[in-house]
């Protein structure tokens, strides 16, 4: 493979990892089959605002303290996530997270805002994303048939599995793999819950493992087939 081909492959891998870092795609789905996910209807067609809380404080996805996460990607690329205020989506108050992808020279090559809300039982839901720069499709729950999908259950269990989103363009499924994995992040090893996220569609066929560490959030993303690291958390800050 030429150097040009390798650079393109590296850029594609970084963009993919960044795109799948938070997951969630909109669609018009059937009721999700559940495997130990507490009888939730996933995606949810008609969220009740009174079923949701004012902040997202799930131990594996803590947004309440306005953290900023920095990740290292392939060939010096970086991804930065930061809490970016609140919004109203499909009648529910959501917390927005801005994701910025930069190449090895520090140039911004991708940017998007994703929306999340936590229900009163502690489950975290994805309510949409707005693509500001780079590849990807914008979507919003309650618009054009899109529905909020589950990001994380309140109490993950090994074998939990759900159809996160489904449409003609894309189907996303999630399965909980382990509750006590140990992975490299923050210059050492951390204990984490791992999930396998599969996205398939007309122009998408991706399979990654995401690792969530208590008190930190997503700490690592790997290719589920090869085990190749796609993103690794290098720093997390709170104001």
C-alpha atoms as a PDB file:
ATOM      1  CA  UNK A   1       0.000   0.000   0.000  1.00  0.00           C
ATOM      2  CA  UNK A   2       1.265   3.487  -0.814  1.00  0.00           C
ATOM      3  CA  UNK A   3       1.912   6.138   1.845  1.00  0.00           C
ATOM      4  CA  UNK A   4      -1.092   8.020   0.448  1.00  0.00           C
ATOM      5  CA  UNK A   5      -3.258   4.927   0.893  1.00  0.00           C
ATOM      6  CA  UNK A   6      -2.023   4.426   4.453  1.00  0.00           C
ATOM      7  CA  UNK A   7      -2.774   8.068   5.313  1.00  0.00           C
ATOM      8  CA  UNK A   8      -6.274   7.734   3.917  1.00  0.00           C
ATOM      9  CA  UNK A   9      -6.796   4.507   5.885  1.00  0.00           C
ATOM     10  CA  UNK A  10      -5.553   6.124   9.064  1.00  0.00           C
ATOM     11  CA  UNK A  11      -7.799   9.135   8.599  1.00  0.00           C
ATOM     12  CA  UNK A  12     -10.753   6.841   7.951  1.00  0.00           C
ATOM     13  CA  UNK A  13     -10.013   4.813  11.090  1.00  0.00           C
ATOM     14  CA  UNK A  14      -9.787   7.952  13.198  1.00  0.00           C
ATOM     15  CA  UNK A  15     -13.015   9.316  11.764  1.00  0.00           C
ATOM     16  CA  UNK A  16     -14.771   5.987  12.334  1.00  0.00           C
ATOM     17  CA  UNK A  17     -13.620   5.760  15.921  1.00  0.00           C
ATOM     18  CA  UNK A  18     -14.702   9.321  16.561  1.00  0.00           C
ATOM     19  CA  UNK A  19     -18.062   8.665  14.964  1.00  0.00           C
ATOM     20  CA  UNK A  20     -18.650   5.578  17.101  1.00  0.00           C
ATOM     21  CA  UNK A  21     -17.298   7.090  20.304  1.00  0.00           C
ATOM     22  CA  UNK A  22     -20.760   8.151  21.445  1.00  0.00           C
ATOM     23  CA  UNK A  23     -22.858   6.090  19.059  1.00  0.00           C
ATOM     24  CA  UNK A  24     -26.530   6.545  18.393  1.00  0.00           C
ATOM     25  CA  UNK A  25     -28.234   6.961  15.034  1.00  0.00           C
ATOM     26  CA  UNK A  26     -31.828   7.865  14.302  1.00  0.00           C
ATOM     27  CA  UNK A  27     -34.394   5.758  12.520  1.00  0.00           C
ATOM     28  CA  UNK A  28     -37.931   4.383  12.478  1.00  0.00           C
ATOM     29  CA  UNK A  29     -37.651   1.081  14.367  1.00  0.00           C
ATOM     30  CA  UNK A  30     -39.817  -1.776  15.558  1.00  0.00           C
ATOM     31  CA  UNK A  31     -39.937  -2.576  19.268  1.00  0.00           C
ATOM     32  CA  UNK A  32     -36.520  -3.792  20.334  1.00  0.00           C
ATOM     33  CA  UNK A  33     -36.016  -7.391  21.404  1.00  0.00           C
ATOM     34  CA  UNK A  34     -34.588  -7.329  24.917  1.00  0.00           C
ATOM     35  CA  UNK A  35     -32.200  -9.615  26.759  1.00  0.00           C
ATOM     36  CA  UNK A  36     -32.193  -8.530  30.361  1.00  0.00           C
ATOM     37  CA  UNK A  37     -32.742  -4.814  29.659  1.00  0.00           C
ATOM     38  CA  UNK A  38     -35.554  -4.395  32.172  1.00  0.00           C
ATOM     39  CA  UNK A  39     -38.379  -4.499  29.645  1.00  0.00           C
ATOM     40  CA  UNK A  40     -37.450  -1.169  28.055  1.00  0.00           C
ATOM     41  CA  UNK A  41     -38.826  -0.311  24.615  1.00  0.00           C
ATOM     42  CA  UNK A  42     -35.720   0.526  22.616  1.00  0.00           C
ATOM     43  CA  UNK A  43     -35.747   2.871  20.767  1.00  0.00           C
ATOM     44  CA  UNK A  44     -38.476   4.752  22.570  1.00  0.00           C
ATOM     45  CA  UNK A  45     -41.223   6.166  20.314  1.00  0.00           C
ATOM     46  CA  UNK A  46     -42.800   8.650  22.737  1.00  0.00           C
ATOM     47  CA  UNK A  47     -40.570   9.781  25.638  1.00  0.00           C
ATOM     48  CA  UNK A  48     -42.392  11.374  28.573  1.00  0.00           C
ATOM     49  CA  UNK A  49     -40.465  14.430  29.852  1.00  0.00           C
ATOM     50  CA  UNK A  50     -41.537  13.538  33.400  1.00  0.00           C
ATOM     51  CA  UNK A  51     -39.656  10.251  33.101  1.00  0.00           C
ATOM     52  CA  UNK A  52     -36.329  12.079  32.792  1.00  0.00           C
ATOM     53  CA  UNK A  53     -34.056  13.866  35.254  1.00  0.00           C
ATOM     54  CA  UNK A  54     -32.300  17.218  34.923  1.00  0.00           C
ATOM     55  CA  UNK A  55     -28.764  15.816  34.650  1.00  0.00           C
ATOM     56  CA  UNK A  56     -26.802  12.810  33.445  1.00  0.00           C
ATOM     57  CA  UNK A  57     -24.840  11.328  36.351  1.00  0.00           C
ATOM     58  CA  UNK A  58     -24.597   7.658  35.339  1.00  0.00           C
ATOM     59  CA  UNK A  59     -21.357   6.308  36.915  1.00  0.00           C
ATOM     60  CA  UNK A  60     -20.191   5.049  33.511  1.00  0.00           C
ATOM     61  CA  UNK A  61     -21.153   8.216  31.616  1.00  0.00           C
ATOM     62  CA  UNK A  62     -20.889  11.140  34.061  1.00  0.00           C
ATOM     63  CA  UNK A  63     -21.788  14.491  32.491  1.00  0.00           C
ATOM     64  CA  UNK A  64     -23.011  16.376  35.559  1.00  0.00           C
ATOM     65  CA  UNK A  65     -19.568  17.818  36.405  1.00  0.00           C
ATOM     66  CA  UNK A  66     -19.034  19.206  32.864  1.00  0.00           C
ATOM     67  CA  UNK A  67     -15.961  17.090  32.077  1.00  0.00           C
ATOM     68  CA  UNK A  68     -13.689  17.396  29.040  1.00  0.00           C
ATOM     69  CA  UNK A  69     -12.182  14.190  27.666  1.00  0.00           C
ATOM     70  CA  UNK A  70      -9.155  13.981  25.357  1.00  0.00           C
ATOM     71  CA  UNK A  71      -8.454  10.839  23.301  1.00  0.00           C
ATOM     72  CA  UNK A  72      -5.492   9.762  21.203  1.00  0.00           C
ATOM     73  CA  UNK A  73      -6.291   8.221  17.831  1.00  0.00           C
ATOM     74  CA  UNK A  74      -4.248   6.688  15.001  1.00  0.00           C
ATOM     75  CA  UNK A  75      -1.162   8.547  13.731  1.00  0.00           C
ATOM     76  CA  UNK A  76      -1.396  11.458  16.143  1.00  0.00           C
ATOM     77  CA  UNK A  77      -5.060  12.310  15.595  1.00  0.00           C
ATOM     78  CA  UNK A  78      -7.035  13.429  18.658  1.00  0.00           C
ATOM     79  CA  UNK A  79     -10.656  13.623  19.719  1.00  0.00           C
ATOM     80  CA  UNK A  80     -11.928  16.040  22.363  1.00  0.00           C
ATOM     81  CA  UNK A  81     -15.327  15.716  24.008  1.00  0.00           C
ATOM     82  CA  UNK A  82     -16.798  18.435  26.190  1.00  0.00           C
ATOM     83  CA  UNK A  83     -20.169  19.144  27.760  1.00  0.00           C
ATOM     84  CA  UNK A  84     -21.835  21.936  25.810  1.00  0.00           C
ATOM     85  CA  UNK A  85     -24.908  23.002  27.762  1.00  0.00           C
ATOM     86  CA  UNK A  86     -28.501  21.795  27.527  1.00  0.00           C
ATOM     87  CA  UNK A  87     -31.236  21.765  24.912  1.00  0.00           C
ATOM     88  CA  UNK A  88     -34.800  20.569  24.388  1.00  0.00           C
ATOM     89  CA  UNK A  89     -35.286  17.565  22.081  1.00  0.00           C
ATOM     90  CA  UNK A  90     -38.606  15.761  21.581  1.00  0.00           C
ATOM     91  CA  UNK A  91     -39.916  17.552  24.668  1.00  0.00           C
ATOM     92  CA  UNK A  92     -37.080  16.298  26.899  1.00  0.00           C
ATOM     93  CA  UNK A  93     -34.284  18.411  28.391  1.00  0.00           C
ATOM     94  CA  UNK A  94     -31.014  16.952  27.148  1.00  0.00           C
ATOM     95  CA  UNK A  95     -27.324  17.491  27.868  1.00  0.00           C
ATOM     96  CA  UNK A  96     -25.259  18.169  24.764  1.00  0.00           C
ATOM     97  CA  UNK A  97     -21.702  16.950  24.195  1.00  0.00           C
ATOM     98  CA  UNK A  98     -19.454  18.504  21.554  1.00  0.00           C
ATOM     99  CA  UNK A  99     -16.995  16.195  19.801  1.00  0.00           C
ATOM    100  CA  UNK A 100     -14.045  17.677  17.868  1.00  0.00           C
ATOM    101  CA  UNK A 101     -11.775  15.495  15.721  1.00  0.00           C
ATOM    102  CA  UNK A 102      -8.317  16.892  14.865  1.00  0.00           C
ATOM    103  CA  UNK A 103      -5.601  15.502  12.642  1.00  0.00           C
ATOM    104  CA  UNK A 104      -1.958  15.194  13.692  1.00  0.00           C
ATOM    105  CA  UNK A 105      -1.331  18.830  12.730  1.00  0.00           C
ATOM    106  CA  UNK A 106      -4.088  20.006  15.035  1.00  0.00           C
ATOM    107  CA  UNK A 107      -6.479  20.917  12.230  1.00  0.00           C
ATOM    108  CA  UNK A 108     -10.181  20.348  12.921  1.00  0.00           C
ATOM    109  CA  UNK A 109     -11.490  17.755  10.459  1.00  0.00           C
ATOM    110  CA  UNK A 110     -14.757  16.830  12.173  1.00  0.00           C
ATOM    111  CA  UNK A 111     -17.162  18.365  14.664  1.00  0.00           C
ATOM    112  CA  UNK A 112     -20.586  17.392  15.980  1.00  0.00           C
ATOM    113  CA  UNK A 113     -22.937  17.863  18.934  1.00  0.00           C
ATOM    114  CA  UNK A 114     -24.703  14.860  20.480  1.00  0.00           C
ATOM    115  CA  UNK A 115     -27.656  14.938  22.892  1.00  0.00           C
ATOM    116  CA  UNK A 116     -28.235  12.683  25.920  1.00  0.00           C
ATOM    117  CA  UNK A 117     -30.781  12.396  28.717  1.00  0.00           C
ATOM    118  CA  UNK A 118     -31.078  10.126  31.752  1.00  0.00           C
ATOM    119  CA  UNK A 119     -34.403   8.700  32.866  1.00  0.00           C
ATOM    120  CA  UNK A 120     -35.522   8.450  36.477  1.00  0.00           C
ATOM    121  CA  UNK A 121     -34.405   4.802  36.614  1.00  0.00           C
ATOM    122  CA  UNK A 122     -30.845   5.782  35.645  1.00  0.00           C
ATOM    123  CA  UNK A 123     -30.797   4.640  31.996  1.00  0.00           C
ATOM    124  CA  UNK A 124     -29.001   6.962  29.564  1.00  0.00           C
ATOM    125  CA  UNK A 125     -30.602   7.672  26.178  1.00  0.00           C
ATOM    126  CA  UNK A 126     -29.214   9.161  22.961  1.00  0.00           C
ATOM    127  CA  UNK A 127     -31.529  11.849  21.526  1.00  0.00           C
ATOM    128  CA  UNK A 128     -29.652  12.923  18.416  1.00  0.00           C
ATOM    129  CA  UNK A 129     -26.620  14.523  16.889  1.00  0.00           C
ATOM    130  CA  UNK A 130     -25.877  17.564  14.781  1.00  0.00           C
ATOM    131  CA  UNK A 131     -22.980  17.207  12.335  1.00  0.00           C
ATOM    132  CA  UNK A 132     -21.261  20.595  12.105  1.00  0.00           C
ATOM    133  CA  UNK A 133     -18.232  19.522  10.054  1.00  0.00           C
ATOM    134  CA  UNK A 134     -17.063  16.302   8.443  1.00  0.00           C
ATOM    135  CA  UNK A 135     -18.846  13.082   7.601  1.00  0.00           C
ATOM    136  CA  UNK A 136     -22.003  11.704   9.154  1.00  0.00           C
ATOM    137  CA  UNK A 137     -25.726  12.344   9.232  1.00  0.00           C
ATOM    138  CA  UNK A 138     -27.552  14.652  11.598  1.00  0.00           C
ATOM    139  CA  UNK A 139     -30.668  13.332  13.305  1.00  0.00           C
ATOM    140  CA  UNK A 140     -32.958  14.316  16.146  1.00  0.00           C
ATOM    141  CA  UNK A 141     -35.460  12.266  18.121  1.00  0.00           C
ATOM    142  CA  UNK A 142     -39.004  13.277  17.239  1.00  0.00           C
ATOM    143  CA  UNK A 143     -38.031  14.499  13.758  1.00  0.00           C
ATOM    144  CA  UNK A 144     -38.557  12.545  10.518  1.00  0.00           C
ATOM    145  CA  UNK A 145     -39.451   9.401  12.447  1.00  0.00           C
ATOM    146  CA  UNK A 146     -36.218   9.269  14.475  1.00  0.00           C
ATOM    147  CA  UNK A 147     -36.461   7.941  18.033  1.00  0.00           C
ATOM    148  CA  UNK A 148     -34.242   8.101  21.114  1.00  0.00           C
ATOM    149  CA  UNK A 149     -32.052   5.001  21.536  1.00  0.00           C
ATOM    150  CA  UNK A 150     -30.495   3.504  24.659  1.00  0.00           C
ATOM    151  CA  UNK A 151     -26.825   4.323  25.227  1.00  0.00           C
ATOM    152  CA  UNK A 152     -26.391   2.601  28.599  1.00  0.00           C
ATOM    153  CA  UNK A 153     -28.736   0.768  30.965  1.00  0.00           C
ATOM    154  CA  UNK A 154     -28.724   1.828  34.596  1.00  0.00           C
ATOM    155  CA  UNK A 155     -27.334  -1.518  35.712  1.00  0.00           C
ATOM    156  CA  UNK A 156     -25.497  -3.277  32.884  1.00  0.00           C
ATOM    157  CA  UNK A 157     -25.370  -7.063  33.042  1.00  0.00           C
ATOM    158  CA  UNK A 158     -23.288  -9.457  30.960  1.00  0.00           C
ATOM    159  CA  UNK A 159     -25.471 -10.553  28.049  1.00  0.00           C
ATOM    160  CA  UNK A 160     -27.685  -7.460  28.033  1.00  0.00           C
ATOM    161  CA  UNK A 161     -28.370  -6.704  24.365  1.00  0.00           C
ATOM    162  CA  UNK A 162     -30.566  -4.268  22.520  1.00  0.00           C
ATOM    163  CA  UNK A 163     -31.390  -2.929  19.095  1.00  0.00           C
ATOM    164  CA  UNK A 164     -30.310   0.666  19.612  1.00  0.00           C
ATOM    165  CA  UNK A 165     -31.589   2.061  16.324  1.00  0.00           C
ATOM    166  CA  UNK A 166     -32.894   0.779  13.011  1.00  0.00           C
ATOM    167  CA  UNK A 167     -33.668   2.476   9.702  1.00  0.00           C
ATOM    168  CA  UNK A 168     -33.301   1.760   6.003  1.00  0.00           C
ATOM    169  CA  UNK A 169     -29.854   3.375   6.100  1.00  0.00           C
ATOM    170  CA  UNK A 170     -28.437   1.981   9.349  1.00  0.00           C
ATOM    171  CA  UNK A 171     -28.984  -0.618  12.057  1.00  0.00           C
ATOM    172  CA  UNK A 172     -27.103  -0.423  15.368  1.00  0.00           C
ATOM    173  CA  UNK A 173     -27.022  -3.159  18.020  1.00  0.00           C
ATOM    174  CA  UNK A 174     -25.252  -3.186  21.402  1.00  0.00           C
ATOM    175  CA  UNK A 175     -24.278  -6.057  23.704  1.00  0.00           C
ATOM    176  CA  UNK A 176     -22.669  -5.932  27.157  1.00  0.00           C
ATOM    177  CA  UNK A 177     -19.569  -8.150  27.147  1.00  0.00           C
ATOM    178  CA  UNK A 178     -17.857  -7.839  30.539  1.00  0.00           C
ATOM    179  CA  UNK A 179     -18.306  -5.879  33.757  1.00  0.00           C
ATOM    180  CA  UNK A 180     -14.712  -6.053  34.997  1.00  0.00           C
ATOM    181  CA  UNK A 181     -12.431  -5.728  31.976  1.00  0.00           C
ATOM    182  CA  UNK A 182      -9.050  -4.067  32.459  1.00  0.00           C
ATOM    183  CA  UNK A 183      -7.805  -1.862  29.626  1.00  0.00           C
ATOM    184  CA  UNK A 184      -5.070   0.664  28.907  1.00  0.00           C
ATOM    185  CA  UNK A 185      -6.086   4.290  29.451  1.00  0.00           C
ATOM    186  CA  UNK A 186      -4.762   7.419  31.166  1.00  0.00           C
ATOM    187  CA  UNK A 187      -1.230   6.059  31.046  1.00  0.00           C
ATOM    188  CA  UNK A 188      -2.067   2.902  32.975  1.00  0.00           C
ATOM    189  CA  UNK A 189      -4.822   0.349  33.337  1.00  0.00           C
ATOM    190  CA  UNK A 190      -8.387   0.945  34.471  1.00  0.00           C
ATOM    191  CA  UNK A 191     -11.304  -1.365  35.214  1.00  0.00           C
ATOM    192  CA  UNK A 192     -14.159  -0.965  32.763  1.00  0.00           C
ATOM    193  CA  UNK A 193     -17.468  -2.287  31.476  1.00  0.00           C
ATOM    194  CA  UNK A 194     -17.181  -3.346  27.827  1.00  0.00           C
ATOM    195  CA  UNK A 195     -19.850  -3.284  25.123  1.00  0.00           C
ATOM    196  CA  UNK A 196     -19.775  -4.488  21.533  1.00  0.00           C
ATOM    197  CA  UNK A 197     -21.389  -2.040  19.117  1.00  0.00           C
ATOM    198  CA  UNK A 198     -22.268  -3.177  15.584  1.00  0.00           C
ATOM    199  CA  UNK A 199     -23.392  -0.719  12.911  1.00  0.00           C
ATOM    200  CA  UNK A 200     -24.467  -1.985   9.489  1.00  0.00           C
ATOM    201  CA  UNK A 201     -26.119  -0.263   6.554  1.00  0.00           C
ATOM    202  CA  UNK A 202     -25.868   0.637   2.904  1.00  0.00           C
ATOM    203  CA  UNK A 203     -22.507   2.364   3.359  1.00  0.00           C
ATOM    204  CA  UNK A 204     -21.560   1.256   6.897  1.00  0.00           C
ATOM    205  CA  UNK A 205     -20.241  -2.033   8.282  1.00  0.00           C
ATOM    206  CA  UNK A 206     -18.490  -1.415  11.578  1.00  0.00           C
ATOM    207  CA  UNK A 207     -17.864  -3.473  14.698  1.00  0.00           C
ATOM    208  CA  UNK A 208     -16.162  -1.957  17.769  1.00  0.00           C
ATOM    209  CA  UNK A 209     -15.751  -2.585  21.480  1.00  0.00           C
ATOM    210  CA  UNK A 210     -16.231   0.397  23.796  1.00  0.00           C
ATOM    211  CA  UNK A 211     -14.972   0.495  27.369  1.00  0.00           C
ATOM    212  CA  UNK A 212     -16.689   2.564  30.086  1.00  0.00           C
ATOM    213  CA  UNK A 213     -14.868   3.156  33.385  1.00  0.00           C
ATOM    214  CA  UNK A 214     -16.670   4.222  36.587  1.00  0.00           C
ATOM    215  CA  UNK A 215     -16.296   7.943  37.189  1.00  0.00           C
ATOM    216  CA  UNK A 216     -14.569   8.470  33.835  1.00  0.00           C
ATOM    217  CA  UNK A 217     -16.910   7.523  30.994  1.00  0.00           C
ATOM    218  CA  UNK A 218     -15.635   6.048  27.725  1.00  0.00           C
ATOM    219  CA  UNK A 219     -11.930   5.294  28.102  1.00  0.00           C
ATOM    220  CA  UNK A 220     -11.142   3.225  25.027  1.00  0.00           C
ATOM    221  CA  UNK A 221     -12.508   2.106  21.641  1.00  0.00           C
ATOM    222  CA  UNK A 222     -11.111  -0.940  19.811  1.00  0.00           C
ATOM    223  CA  UNK A 223     -11.794  -2.796  16.584  1.00  0.00           C
ATOM    224  CA  UNK A 224     -13.901  -5.759  17.747  1.00  0.00           C
ATOM    225  CA  UNK A 225     -12.355  -8.153  15.217  1.00  0.00           C
ATOM    226  CA  UNK A 226      -8.659  -7.266  15.310  1.00  0.00           C
ATOM    227  CA  UNK A 227      -8.408  -5.698  18.777  1.00  0.00           C
ATOM    228  CA  UNK A 228      -6.641  -2.710  17.220  1.00  0.00           C
ATOM    229  CA  UNK A 229      -6.940   0.394  19.431  1.00  0.00           C
ATOM    230  CA  UNK A 230      -8.868   3.191  17.724  1.00  0.00           C
ATOM    231  CA  UNK A 231      -9.130   5.703  20.577  1.00  0.00           C
ATOM    232  CA  UNK A 232      -7.577   5.825  24.049  1.00  0.00           C
ATOM    233  CA  UNK A 233      -8.381   8.311  26.803  1.00  0.00           C
ATOM    234  CA  UNK A 234      -5.291  10.351  27.696  1.00  0.00           C
ATOM    235  CA  UNK A 235      -6.800  13.076  29.872  1.00  0.00           C
ATOM    236  CA  UNK A 236     -10.038  14.052  31.614  1.00  0.00           C
ATOM    237  CA  UNK A 237     -10.628  17.409  33.262  1.00  0.00           C
ATOM    238  CA  UNK A 238     -13.478  18.997  35.219  1.00  0.00           C
ATOM    239  CA  UNK A 239     -13.874  22.727  35.853  1.00  0.00           C
END
